[in-house]
Amino acid sequence: MLLWAFGFSLLYALHGFGCEGGWHEIRIAGGMLFRWVMVSVWVLLCIAGLAVIWWIRSVPAGFERRLGFASALVGCAATVVTGAPVTITSACV
């Protein structure tokens, strides 16, 4: 869940910074720089969440492992769900 909180804050901070900095007007590799940066950060956060889930599998079985695994799954799903709107759509006006 800490990774989700960090990722949520990072994505929304990048969104504000990118909109204010004019990233949505810069074209690179057939797309907007803004979209490339946002999607890249979002995908890296999702991969980091999956890495945490993989790491938790190495913890000995027990309540702590189940709790950590469930928390990591919830955080990974939350990263996907809450990151999609700000990443996929560009609301810079």
PDB file of N, CA and C in Angstrom:
ATOM      1  N   MET A   1       0.825  -1.188   0.000  1.00  0.00           N
ATOM      2  CA  MET A   1       0.000   0.000   0.000  1.00  0.00           C
ATOM      3  C   MET A   1       0.874   1.259   0.000  1.00  0.00           C
ATOM      4  N   LEU A   2       2.071   1.165   0.560  1.00  0.00           N
ATOM      5  CA  LEU A   2       2.970   2.322   0.528  1.00  0.00           C
ATOM      6  C   LEU A   2       3.385   2.652  -0.901  1.00  0.00           C
ATOM      7  N   LEU A   3       3.613   1.614  -1.699  1.00  0.00           N
ATOM      8  CA  LEU A   3       3.966   1.834  -3.099  1.00  0.00           C
ATOM      9  C   LEU A   3       2.811   2.515  -3.826  1.00  0.00           C
ATOM     10  N   TRP A   4       1.577   2.103  -3.538  1.00  0.00           N
ATOM     11  CA  TRP A   4       0.416   2.738  -4.158  1.00  0.00           C
ATOM     12  C   TRP A   4       0.343   4.217  -3.772  1.00  0.00           C
ATOM     13  N   ALA A   5       0.498   4.515  -2.496  1.00  0.00           N
ATOM     14  CA  ALA A   5       0.427   5.908  -2.038  1.00  0.00           C
ATOM     15  C   ALA A   5       1.510   6.753  -2.702  1.00  0.00           C
ATOM     16  N   PHE A   6       2.715   6.205  -2.786  1.00  0.00           N
ATOM     17  CA  PHE A   6       3.806   6.904  -3.455  1.00  0.00           C
ATOM     18  C   PHE A   6       3.490   7.110  -4.933  1.00  0.00           C
ATOM     19  N   GLY A   7       3.033   6.048  -5.586  1.00  0.00           N
ATOM     20  CA  GLY A   7       2.712   6.117  -7.009  1.00  0.00           C
ATOM     21  C   GLY A   7       1.584   7.083  -7.305  1.00  0.00           C
ATOM     22  N   PHE A   8       0.554   7.062  -6.480  1.00  0.00           N
ATOM     23  CA  PHE A   8      -0.582   7.967  -6.645  1.00  0.00           C
ATOM     24  C   PHE A   8      -0.108   9.416  -6.564  1.00  0.00           C
ATOM     25  N   SER A   9       0.671   9.721  -5.559  1.00  0.00           N
ATOM     26  CA  SER A   9       1.191  11.081  -5.393  1.00  0.00           C
ATOM     27  C   SER A   9       2.116  11.460  -6.540  1.00  0.00           C
ATOM     28  N   LEU A  10       2.967  10.533  -6.961  1.00  0.00           N
ATOM     29  CA  LEU A  10       3.906  10.802  -8.044  1.00  0.00           C
ATOM     30  C   LEU A  10       3.181  11.074  -9.358  1.00  0.00           C
ATOM     31  N   LEU A  11       2.194  10.249  -9.691  1.00  0.00           N
ATOM     32  CA  LEU A  11       1.470  10.441 -10.947  1.00  0.00           C
ATOM     33  C   LEU A  11       0.739  11.778 -10.989  1.00  0.00           C
ATOM     34  N   TYR A  12       0.070  12.112  -9.909  1.00  0.00           N
ATOM     35  CA  TYR A  12      -0.659  13.374  -9.902  1.00  0.00           C
ATOM     36  C   TYR A  12       0.277  14.581  -9.846  1.00  0.00           C
ATOM     37  N   ALA A  13       1.413  14.443  -9.201  1.00  0.00           N
ATOM     38  CA  ALA A  13       2.404  15.521  -9.203  1.00  0.00           C
ATOM     39  C   ALA A  13       2.989  15.699 -10.603  1.00  0.00           C
ATOM     40  N   LEU A  14       3.308  14.594 -11.279  1.00  0.00           N
ATOM     41  CA  LEU A  14       3.811  14.675 -12.650  1.00  0.00           C
ATOM     42  C   LEU A  14       2.766  15.277 -13.584  1.00  0.00           C
ATOM     43  N   HIS A  15       1.515  14.929 -13.356  1.00  0.00           N
ATOM     44  CA  HIS A  15       0.444  15.482 -14.183  1.00  0.00           C
ATOM     45  C   HIS A  15       0.401  17.008 -14.055  1.00  0.00           C
ATOM     46  N   GLY A  16       0.421  17.493 -12.838  1.00  0.00           N
ATOM     47  CA  GLY A  16       0.410  18.936 -12.633  1.00  0.00           C
ATOM     48  C   GLY A  16       1.652  19.603 -13.186  1.00  0.00           C
ATOM     49  N   PHE A  17       2.802  18.999 -12.944  1.00  0.00           N
ATOM     50  CA  PHE A  17       4.065  19.547 -13.429  1.00  0.00           C
ATOM     51  C   PHE A  17       4.102  19.551 -14.953  1.00  0.00           C
ATOM     52  N   GLY A  18       3.645  18.451 -15.563  1.00  0.00           N
ATOM     53  CA  GLY A  18       3.645  18.345 -17.024  1.00  0.00           C
ATOM     54  C   GLY A  18       2.692  19.324 -17.683  1.00  0.00           C
ATOM     55  N   CYS A  19       1.507  19.473 -17.110  1.00  0.00           N
ATOM     56  CA  CYS A  19       0.543  20.433 -17.670  1.00  0.00           C
ATOM     57  C   CYS A  19       1.074  21.855 -17.561  1.00  0.00           C
ATOM     58  N   GLU A  20       1.607  22.184 -16.413  1.00  0.00           N
ATOM     59  CA  GLU A  20       2.127  23.539 -16.207  1.00  0.00           C
ATOM     60  C   GLU A  20       3.369  23.794 -17.060  1.00  0.00           C
ATOM     61  N   GLY A  21       4.177  22.756 -17.257  1.00  0.00           N
ATOM     62  CA  GLY A  21       5.410  22.905 -18.031  1.00  0.00           C
ATOM     63  C   GLY A  21       5.213  22.837 -19.535  1.00  0.00           C
ATOM     64  N   GLY A  22       3.993  22.577 -19.979  1.00  0.00           N
ATOM     65  CA  GLY A  22       3.725  22.533 -21.414  1.00  0.00           C
ATOM     66  C   GLY A  22       4.126  21.237 -22.088  1.00  0.00           C
ATOM     67  N   TRP A  23       4.254  20.148 -21.328  1.00  0.00           N
ATOM     68  CA  TRP A  23       4.645  18.861 -21.912  1.00  0.00           C
ATOM     69  C   TRP A  23       3.621  18.362 -22.912  1.00  0.00           C
ATOM     70  N   HIS A  24       2.362  18.730 -22.721  1.00  0.00           N
ATOM     71  CA  HIS A  24       1.303  18.234 -23.611  1.00  0.00           C
ATOM     72  C   HIS A  24       1.405  18.841 -25.013  1.00  0.00           C
ATOM     73  N   GLU A  25       2.211  19.856 -25.192  1.00  0.00           N
ATOM     74  CA  GLU A  25       2.386  20.484 -26.502  1.00  0.00           C
ATOM     75  C   GLU A  25       3.611  19.954 -27.238  1.00  0.00           C
ATOM     76  N   ILE A  26       4.475  19.222 -26.570  1.00  0.00           N
ATOM     77  CA  ILE A  26       5.720  18.712 -27.166  1.00  0.00           C
ATOM     78  C   ILE A  26       5.449  17.342 -27.780  1.00  0.00           C
ATOM     79  N   ARG A  27       5.763  17.196 -29.052  1.00  0.00           N
ATOM     80  CA  ARG A  27       5.586  15.923 -29.759  1.00  0.00           C
ATOM     81  C   ARG A  27       6.921  15.193 -29.836  1.00  0.00           C
ATOM     82  N   ILE A  28       6.880  13.879 -29.564  1.00  0.00           N
ATOM     83  CA  ILE A  28       8.088  13.061 -29.646  1.00  0.00           C
ATOM     84  C   ILE A  28       7.666  11.640 -30.033  1.00  0.00           C
ATOM     85  N   ALA A  29       8.351  11.051 -30.991  1.00  0.00           N
ATOM     86  CA  ALA A  29       8.105   9.677 -31.443  1.00  0.00           C
ATOM     87  C   ALA A  29       6.632   9.433 -31.774  1.00  0.00           C
ATOM     88  N   GLY A  30       6.019  10.374 -32.441  1.00  0.00           N
ATOM     89  CA  GLY A  30       4.642  10.216 -32.879  1.00  0.00           C
ATOM     90  C   GLY A  30       3.588  10.441 -31.807  1.00  0.00           C
ATOM     91  N   GLY A  31       3.989  10.835 -30.621  1.00  0.00           N
ATOM     92  CA  GLY A  31       3.035  11.076 -29.542  1.00  0.00           C
ATOM     93  C   GLY A  31       3.478  12.243 -28.685  1.00  0.00           C
ATOM     94  N   MET A  32       2.668  12.540 -27.713  1.00  0.00           N
ATOM     95  CA  MET A  32       2.994  13.642 -26.811  1.00  0.00           C
ATOM     96  C   MET A  32       3.999  13.182 -25.759  1.00  0.00           C
ATOM     97  N   LEU A  33       4.948  14.046 -25.457  1.00  0.00           N
ATOM     98  CA  LEU A  33       5.917  13.770 -24.398  1.00  0.00           C
ATOM     99  C   LEU A  33       5.190  13.493 -23.089  1.00  0.00           C
ATOM    100  N   PHE A  34       4.143  14.265 -22.842  1.00  0.00           N
ATOM    101  CA  PHE A  34       3.358  14.134 -21.621  1.00  0.00           C
ATOM    102  C   PHE A  34       2.836  12.698 -21.463  1.00  0.00           C
ATOM    103  N   ARG A  35       2.250  12.168 -22.518  1.00  0.00           N
ATOM    104  CA  ARG A  35       1.688  10.816 -22.463  1.00  0.00           C
ATOM    105  C   ARG A  35       2.781   9.770 -22.282  1.00  0.00           C
ATOM    106  N   TRP A  36       3.913   9.934 -22.983  1.00  0.00           N
ATOM    107  CA  TRP A  36       5.022   8.980 -22.855  1.00  0.00           C
ATOM    108  C   TRP A  36       5.530   8.921 -21.415  1.00  0.00           C
ATOM    109  N   VAL A  37       5.707  10.071 -20.806  1.00  0.00           N
ATOM    110  CA  VAL A  37       6.215  10.119 -19.434  1.00  0.00           C
ATOM    111  C   VAL A  37       5.212   9.488 -18.469  1.00  0.00           C
ATOM    112  N   MET A  38       3.951   9.863 -18.585  1.00  0.00           N
ATOM    113  CA  MET A  38       2.930   9.367 -17.666  1.00  0.00           C
ATOM    114  C   MET A  38       2.754   7.852 -17.776  1.00  0.00           C
ATOM    115  N   VAL A  39       2.657   7.350 -18.992  1.00  0.00           N
ATOM    116  CA  VAL A  39       2.471   5.903 -19.180  1.00  0.00           C
ATOM    117  C   VAL A  39       3.704   5.144 -18.709  1.00  0.00           C
ATOM    118  N   SER A  40       4.892   5.673 -18.975  1.00  0.00           N
ATOM    119  CA  SER A  40       6.127   5.000 -18.530  1.00  0.00           C
ATOM    120  C   SER A  40       6.189   4.898 -17.011  1.00  0.00           C
ATOM    121  N   VAL A  41       5.880   5.973 -16.325  1.00  0.00           N
ATOM    122  CA  VAL A  41       5.900   5.956 -14.859  1.00  0.00           C
ATOM    123  C   VAL A  41       4.838   5.006 -14.329  1.00  0.00           C
ATOM    124  N   TRP A  42       3.658   5.034 -14.925  1.00  0.00           N
ATOM    125  CA  TRP A  42       2.558   4.158 -14.498  1.00  0.00           C
ATOM    126  C   TRP A  42       2.933   2.686 -14.669  1.00  0.00           C
ATOM    127  N   VAL A  43       3.514   2.331 -15.804  1.00  0.00           N
ATOM    128  CA  VAL A  43       3.920   0.941 -16.053  1.00  0.00           C
ATOM    129  C   VAL A  43       5.029   0.529 -15.081  1.00  0.00           C
ATOM    130  N   LEU A  44       5.993   1.410 -14.828  1.00  0.00           N
ATOM    131  CA  LEU A  44       7.056   1.088 -13.869  1.00  0.00           C
ATOM    132  C   LEU A  44       6.499   0.875 -12.459  1.00  0.00           C
ATOM    133  N   LEU A  45       5.508   1.659 -12.076  1.00  0.00           N
ATOM    134  CA  LEU A  45       4.881   1.462 -10.768  1.00  0.00           C
ATOM    135  C   LEU A  45       4.160   0.117 -10.698  1.00  0.00           C
ATOM    136  N   CYS A  46       3.499  -0.252 -11.780  1.00  0.00           N
ATOM    137  CA  CYS A  46       2.824  -1.556 -11.819  1.00  0.00           C
ATOM    138  C   CYS A  46       3.834  -2.695 -11.742  1.00  0.00           C
ATOM    139  N   ILE A  47       4.936  -2.564 -12.442  1.00  0.00           N
ATOM    140  CA  ILE A  47       5.987  -3.588 -12.393  1.00  0.00           C
ATOM    141  C   ILE A  47       6.584  -3.664 -10.990  1.00  0.00           C
ATOM    142  N   ALA A  48       6.782  -2.521 -10.351  1.00  0.00           N
ATOM    143  CA  ALA A  48       7.300  -2.510  -8.979  1.00  0.00           C
ATOM    144  C   ALA A  48       6.321  -3.216  -8.037  1.00  0.00           C
ATOM    145  N   GLY A  49       5.030  -3.002  -8.238  1.00  0.00           N
ATOM    146  CA  GLY A  49       4.027  -3.697  -7.426  1.00  0.00           C
ATOM    147  C   GLY A  49       4.089  -5.193  -7.614  1.00  0.00           C
ATOM    148  N   LEU A  50       4.257  -5.633  -8.850  1.00  0.00           N
ATOM    149  CA  LEU A  50       4.390  -7.068  -9.110  1.00  0.00           C
ATOM    150  C   LEU A  50       5.678  -7.620  -8.501  1.00  0.00           C
ATOM    151  N   ALA A  51       6.742  -6.823  -8.503  1.00  0.00           N
ATOM    152  CA  ALA A  51       8.001  -7.255  -7.886  1.00  0.00           C
ATOM    153  C   ALA A  51       7.830  -7.431  -6.378  1.00  0.00           C
ATOM    154  N   VAL A  52       7.069  -6.543  -5.755  1.00  0.00           N
ATOM    155  CA  VAL A  52       6.800  -6.676  -4.317  1.00  0.00           C
ATOM    156  C   VAL A  52       6.024  -7.955  -4.054  1.00  0.00           C
ATOM    157  N   ILE A  53       5.027  -8.238  -4.891  1.00  0.00           N
ATOM    158  CA  ILE A  53       4.250  -9.472  -4.738  1.00  0.00           C
ATOM    159  C   ILE A  53       5.167 -10.682  -4.877  1.00  0.00           C
ATOM    160  N   TRP A  54       6.053 -10.661  -5.866  1.00  0.00           N
ATOM    161  CA  TRP A  54       6.989 -11.775  -6.061  1.00  0.00           C
ATOM    162  C   TRP A  54       7.912 -11.922  -4.859  1.00  0.00           C
ATOM    163  N   TRP A  55       8.382 -10.814  -4.307  1.00  0.00           N
ATOM    164  CA  TRP A  55       9.282 -10.850  -3.156  1.00  0.00           C
ATOM    165  C   TRP A  55       8.568 -11.419  -1.928  1.00  0.00           C
ATOM    166  N   ILE A  56       7.304 -11.062  -1.749  1.00  0.00           N
ATOM    167  CA  ILE A  56       6.553 -11.535  -0.582  1.00  0.00           C
ATOM    168  C   ILE A  56       6.372 -13.047  -0.618  1.00  0.00           C
ATOM    169  N   ARG A  57       6.386 -13.622  -1.804  1.00  0.00           N
ATOM    170  CA  ARG A  57       6.248 -15.082  -1.912  1.00  0.00           C
ATOM    171  C   ARG A  57       7.402 -15.819  -1.222  1.00  0.00           C
ATOM    172  N   SER A  58       8.543 -15.149  -1.045  1.00  0.00           N
ATOM    173  CA  SER A  58       9.696 -15.798  -0.426  1.00  0.00           C
ATOM    174  C   SER A  58       9.632 -15.788   1.100  1.00  0.00           C
ATOM    175  N   VAL A  59       8.692 -15.039   1.667  1.00  0.00           N
ATOM    176  CA  VAL A  59       8.526 -14.983   3.120  1.00  0.00           C
ATOM    177  C   VAL A  59       7.905 -16.296   3.589  1.00  0.00           C
ATOM    178  N   PRO A  60       8.359 -16.850   4.715  1.00  0.00           N
ATOM    179  CA  PRO A  60       7.770 -18.094   5.211  1.00  0.00           C
ATOM    180  C   PRO A  60       6.258 -17.968   5.394  1.00  0.00           C
ATOM    181  N   ALA A  61       5.559 -19.074   5.158  1.00  0.00           N
ATOM    182  CA  ALA A  61       4.097 -19.090   5.245  1.00  0.00           C
ATOM    183  C   ALA A  61       3.644 -18.693   6.654  1.00  0.00           C
ATOM    184  N   GLY A  62       2.527 -18.053   6.716  1.00  0.00           N
ATOM    185  CA  GLY A  62       1.965 -17.626   7.990  1.00  0.00           C
ATOM    186  C   GLY A  62       1.069 -16.427   7.793  1.00  0.00           C
ATOM    187  N   PHE A  63       0.586 -15.914   8.892  1.00  0.00           N
ATOM    188  CA  PHE A  63      -0.330 -14.769   8.839  1.00  0.00           C
ATOM    189  C   PHE A  63       0.320 -13.554   8.201  1.00  0.00           C
ATOM    190  N   GLU A  64       1.588 -13.291   8.540  1.00  0.00           N
ATOM    191  CA  GLU A  64       2.281 -12.127   7.998  1.00  0.00           C
ATOM    192  C   GLU A  64       2.397 -12.214   6.483  1.00  0.00           C
ATOM    193  N   ARG A  65       2.666 -13.403   5.971  1.00  0.00           N
ATOM    194  CA  ARG A  65       2.779 -13.570   4.519  1.00  0.00           C
ATOM    195  C   ARG A  65       1.431 -13.327   3.848  1.00  0.00           C
ATOM    196  N   ARG A  66       0.375 -13.888   4.402  1.00  0.00           N
ATOM    197  CA  ARG A  66      -0.952 -13.705   3.807  1.00  0.00           C
ATOM    198  C   ARG A  66      -1.357 -12.230   3.844  1.00  0.00           C
ATOM    199  N   LEU A  67      -1.084 -11.575   4.956  1.00  0.00           N
ATOM    200  CA  LEU A  67      -1.420 -10.162   5.089  1.00  0.00           C
ATOM    201  C   LEU A  67      -0.601  -9.310   4.113  1.00  0.00           C
ATOM    202  N   GLY A  68       0.678  -9.575   4.023  1.00  0.00           N
ATOM    203  CA  GLY A  68       1.538  -8.848   3.097  1.00  0.00           C
ATOM    204  C   GLY A  68       1.152  -9.085   1.649  1.00  0.00           C
ATOM    205  N   PHE A  69       0.821 -10.335   1.329  1.00  0.00           N
ATOM    206  CA  PHE A  69       0.428 -10.683  -0.034  1.00  0.00           C
ATOM    207  C   PHE A  69      -0.879  -9.988  -0.409  1.00  0.00           C
ATOM    208  N   ALA A  70      -1.855 -10.019   0.493  1.00  0.00           N
ATOM    209  CA  ALA A  70      -3.141  -9.364   0.230  1.00  0.00           C
ATOM    210  C   ALA A  70      -2.960  -7.854   0.090  1.00  0.00           C
ATOM    211  N   SER A  71      -2.144  -7.273   0.945  1.00  0.00           N
ATOM    212  CA  SER A  71      -1.890  -5.839   0.879  1.00  0.00           C
ATOM    213  C   SER A  71      -1.199  -5.471  -0.433  1.00  0.00           C
ATOM    214  N   ALA A  72      -0.248  -6.278  -0.866  1.00  0.00           N
ATOM    215  CA  ALA A  72       0.456  -6.017  -2.121  1.00  0.00           C
ATOM    216  C   ALA A  72      -0.489  -6.145  -3.312  1.00  0.00           C
ATOM    217  N   LEU A  73      -1.375  -7.123  -3.289  1.00  0.00           N
ATOM    218  CA  LEU A  73      -2.351  -7.268  -4.368  1.00  0.00           C
ATOM    219  C   LEU A  73      -3.291  -6.070  -4.437  1.00  0.00           C
ATOM    220  N   VAL A  74      -3.763  -5.634  -3.284  1.00  0.00           N
ATOM    221  CA  VAL A  74      -4.654  -4.468  -3.235  1.00  0.00           C
ATOM    222  C   VAL A  74      -3.921  -3.226  -3.729  1.00  0.00           C
ATOM    223  N   GLY A  75      -2.685  -3.049  -3.309  1.00  0.00           N
ATOM    224  CA  GLY A  75      -1.895  -1.900  -3.753  1.00  0.00           C
ATOM    225  C   GLY A  75      -1.642  -1.921  -5.255  1.00  0.00           C
ATOM    226  N   CYS A  76      -1.358  -3.101  -5.793  1.00  0.00           N
ATOM    227  CA  CYS A  76      -1.114  -3.236  -7.230  1.00  0.00           C
ATOM    228  C   CYS A  76      -2.392  -2.917  -8.014  1.00  0.00           C
ATOM    229  N   ALA A  77      -3.509  -3.461  -7.569  1.00  0.00           N
ATOM    230  CA  ALA A  77      -4.786  -3.180  -8.236  1.00  0.00           C
ATOM    231  C   ALA A  77      -5.139  -1.699  -8.125  1.00  0.00           C
ATOM    232  N   ALA A  78      -4.896  -1.105  -6.968  1.00  0.00           N
ATOM    233  CA  ALA A  78      -5.191   0.312  -6.783  1.00  0.00           C
ATOM    234  C   ALA A  78      -4.312   1.180  -7.681  1.00  0.00           C
ATOM    235  N   THR A  79      -3.075   0.774  -7.900  1.00  0.00           N
ATOM    236  CA  THR A  79      -2.190   1.512  -8.792  1.00  0.00           C
ATOM    237  C   THR A  79      -2.734   1.500 -10.217  1.00  0.00           C
ATOM    238  N   VAL A  80      -3.222   0.354 -10.642  1.00  0.00           N
ATOM    239  CA  VAL A  80      -3.787   0.246 -11.987  1.00  0.00           C
ATOM    240  C   VAL A  80      -5.050   1.096 -12.107  1.00  0.00           C
ATOM    241  N   VAL A  81      -5.952   0.967 -11.143  1.00  0.00           N
ATOM    242  CA  VAL A  81      -7.247   1.650 -11.218  1.00  0.00           C
ATOM    243  C   VAL A  81      -7.121   3.163 -11.048  1.00  0.00           C
ATOM    244  N   THR A  82      -6.369   3.616 -10.085  1.00  0.00           N
ATOM    245  CA  THR A  82      -6.276   5.063  -9.850  1.00  0.00           C
ATOM    246  C   THR A  82      -5.307   5.749 -10.797  1.00  0.00           C
ATOM    247  N   GLY A  83      -4.393   4.998 -11.383  1.00  0.00           N
ATOM    248  CA  GLY A  83      -3.446   5.595 -12.319  1.00  0.00           C
ATOM    249  C   GLY A  83      -3.992   5.727 -13.727  1.00  0.00           C
ATOM    250  N   ALA A  84      -4.963   4.902 -14.084  1.00  0.00           N
ATOM    251  CA  ALA A  84      -5.493   4.904 -15.456  1.00  0.00           C
ATOM    252  C   ALA A  84      -6.078   6.255 -15.880  1.00  0.00           C
ATOM    253  N   PRO A  85      -6.940   6.879 -15.090  1.00  0.00           N
ATOM    254  CA  PRO A  85      -7.542   8.132 -15.558  1.00  0.00           C
ATOM    255  C   PRO A  85      -6.528   9.252 -15.813  1.00  0.00           C
ATOM    256  N   VAL A  86      -5.587   9.400 -14.919  1.00  0.00           N
ATOM    257  CA  VAL A  86      -4.621  10.493 -15.082  1.00  0.00           C
ATOM    258  C   VAL A  86      -3.567  10.166 -16.121  1.00  0.00           C
ATOM    259  N   THR A  87      -3.333   8.882 -16.366  1.00  0.00           N
ATOM    260  CA  THR A  87      -2.313   8.474 -17.317  1.00  0.00           C
ATOM    261  C   THR A  87      -2.822   8.441 -18.746  1.00  0.00           C
ATOM    262  N   ILE A  88      -3.980   7.869 -18.935  1.00  0.00           N
ATOM    263  CA  ILE A  88      -4.500   7.652 -20.291  1.00  0.00           C
ATOM    264  C   ILE A  88      -5.131   8.913 -20.867  1.00  0.00           C
ATOM    265  N   THR A  89      -5.813   9.676 -20.056  1.00  0.00           N
ATOM    266  CA  THR A  89      -6.452  10.894 -20.551  1.00  0.00           C
ATOM    267  C   THR A  89      -5.547  12.088 -20.286  1.00  0.00           C
ATOM    268  N   SER A  90      -5.621  13.072 -21.133  1.00  0.00           N
ATOM    269  CA  SER A  90      -4.863  14.293 -20.930  1.00  0.00           C
ATOM    270  C   SER A  90      -5.833  15.430 -20.660  1.00  0.00           C
ATOM    271  N   ALA A  91      -5.859  15.898 -19.437  1.00  0.00           N
ATOM    272  CA  ALA A  91      -6.808  16.931 -19.038  1.00  0.00           C
ATOM    273  C   ALA A  91      -6.147  18.307 -18.942  1.00  0.00           C
ATOM    274  N   CYS A  92      -5.070  18.514 -19.668  1.00  0.00           N
ATOM    275  CA  CYS A  92      -4.419  19.822 -19.634  1.00  0.00           C
ATOM    276  C   CYS A  92      -5.233  20.784 -20.490  1.00  0.00           C
ATOM    277  N   VAL A  93      -5.634  21.869 -19.887  1.00  0.00           N
ATOM    278  CA  VAL A  93      -6.432  22.858 -20.611  1.00  0.00           C
ATOM    279  C   VAL A  93      -5.718  24.194 -20.596  1.00  0.00           C
TER     280      VAL A  93
END
